[in-house]
Amino acid sequence: MKIEIITPEKKVYEGNIRSLKVPGKKGAFQVLKDHAAIVSTLVEGRVTVTDMDGRDSVFEIEGGVVEVQGNIIILLAESVR
């Protein structure tokens, strides 16, 4: 899967990943390869990106939106700490 994590100021992360965990408005969820298409609002919390080598990158976001379609993920975050 390909992902881009973007804030209004800059692109924070881009790459091929194995999985993504996000703080959805109705609860945290994980995105794996071939996930159904989805658009979800995100709340303040932790985003965990697992790359193809199994390494985790963790980002604290203030909220935002994530779109998953055809193994392409766009995460628009209000801000990332």
Protein backbone atom coordinates (compact mmCIF):
# COMPACT_ATOMS: atom_id res chain seq x y z
CA MET A 1 0.00 0.00 0.00
CA LYS A 2 1.09 3.56 -0.59
CA ILE A 3 0.50 6.34 1.93
CA GLU A 4 0.85 10.09 2.18
CA ILE A 5 0.42 11.90 5.50
CA ILE A 6 -0.12 15.60 4.86
CA THR A 7 -0.71 18.66 7.05
CA PRO A 8 -1.61 22.15 5.80
CA GLU A 9 2.09 23.05 6.10
CA LYS A 10 3.91 20.03 4.62
CA LYS A 11 4.02 16.37 3.65
CA VAL A 12 4.99 14.50 6.83
CA TYR A 13 5.38 10.95 5.50
CA GLU A 14 5.26 9.13 2.18
CA GLY A 15 6.04 5.53 1.33
CA ASN A 16 4.99 1.94 0.90
CA ILE A 17 3.59 0.40 4.06
CA ARG A 18 2.33 -2.89 5.47
CA SER A 19 -0.34 -1.44 7.81
CA LEU A 20 -1.82 1.72 9.30
CA LYS A 21 -3.56 2.26 12.66
CA VAL A 22 -5.60 5.44 13.10
CA PRO A 23 -7.86 7.02 15.76
CA GLY A 24 -11.23 7.07 14.00
CA LYS A 25 -14.06 9.22 15.33
CA LYS A 26 -16.05 6.06 16.17
CA GLY A 27 -13.00 4.12 17.39
CA ALA A 28 -9.50 3.19 16.35
CA PHE A 29 -9.08 0.93 13.34
CA GLN A 30 -6.38 -0.69 11.24
CA VAL A 31 -5.93 -0.63 7.47
CA LEU A 32 -4.29 -3.61 5.76
CA LYS A 33 -3.68 -4.46 2.09
CA ASP A 34 -6.88 -4.64 -0.02
CA HIS A 35 -8.95 -2.83 2.63
CA ALA A 36 -12.39 -1.74 1.45
CA ALA A 37 -12.64 1.85 0.23
CA ILE A 38 -13.36 4.18 3.13
CA VAL A 39 -13.34 7.83 4.13
CA SER A 40 -13.26 8.47 7.88
CA THR A 41 -12.85 11.43 10.18
CA LEU A 42 -10.05 11.18 12.71
CA VAL A 43 -9.79 12.49 16.26
CA GLU A 44 -6.77 13.50 18.30
CA GLY A 45 -4.54 10.51 18.91
CA ARG A 46 -1.80 8.22 17.69
CA VAL A 47 -1.24 7.13 14.10
CA THR A 48 1.03 4.10 13.68
CA VAL A 49 2.53 3.33 10.28
CA THR A 50 4.25 -0.05 9.83
CA ASP A 51 6.62 -0.03 6.87
CA MET A 52 7.45 -2.98 4.62
CA ASP A 53 10.36 -3.97 6.91
CA GLY A 54 8.07 -4.10 9.97
CA ARG A 55 9.35 -0.86 11.52
CA ASP A 56 6.78 1.42 13.16
CA SER A 57 6.62 5.20 12.80
CA VAL A 58 4.31 6.90 15.28
CA PHE A 59 2.69 10.31 14.80
CA GLU A 60 0.44 12.22 17.22
CA ILE A 61 -2.27 14.02 15.27
CA GLU A 62 -4.79 16.67 16.29
CA GLY A 63 -7.49 15.19 14.04
CA GLY A 64 -8.20 15.01 10.33
CA VAL A 65 -9.50 12.75 7.59
CA VAL A 66 -8.26 9.50 6.03
CA GLU A 67 -9.21 8.11 2.62
CA VAL A 68 -8.41 4.56 1.53
CA GLN A 69 -9.01 3.50 -2.05
CA GLY A 70 -7.29 0.83 -4.12
CA ASN A 71 -4.36 0.38 -1.68
CA ILE A 72 -3.66 4.12 -1.74
CA ILE A 73 -4.07 6.00 1.53
CA ILE A 74 -4.25 9.76 1.92
CA LEU A 75 -4.27 11.03 5.51
CA LEU A 76 -4.93 14.75 5.92
CA ALA A 77 -4.05 15.79 9.47
CA GLU A 78 -4.82 19.14 11.09
CA SER A 79 -1.36 18.96 12.68
CA VAL A 80 1.24 16.35 13.59
CA ARG A 81 3.37 16.38 16.75
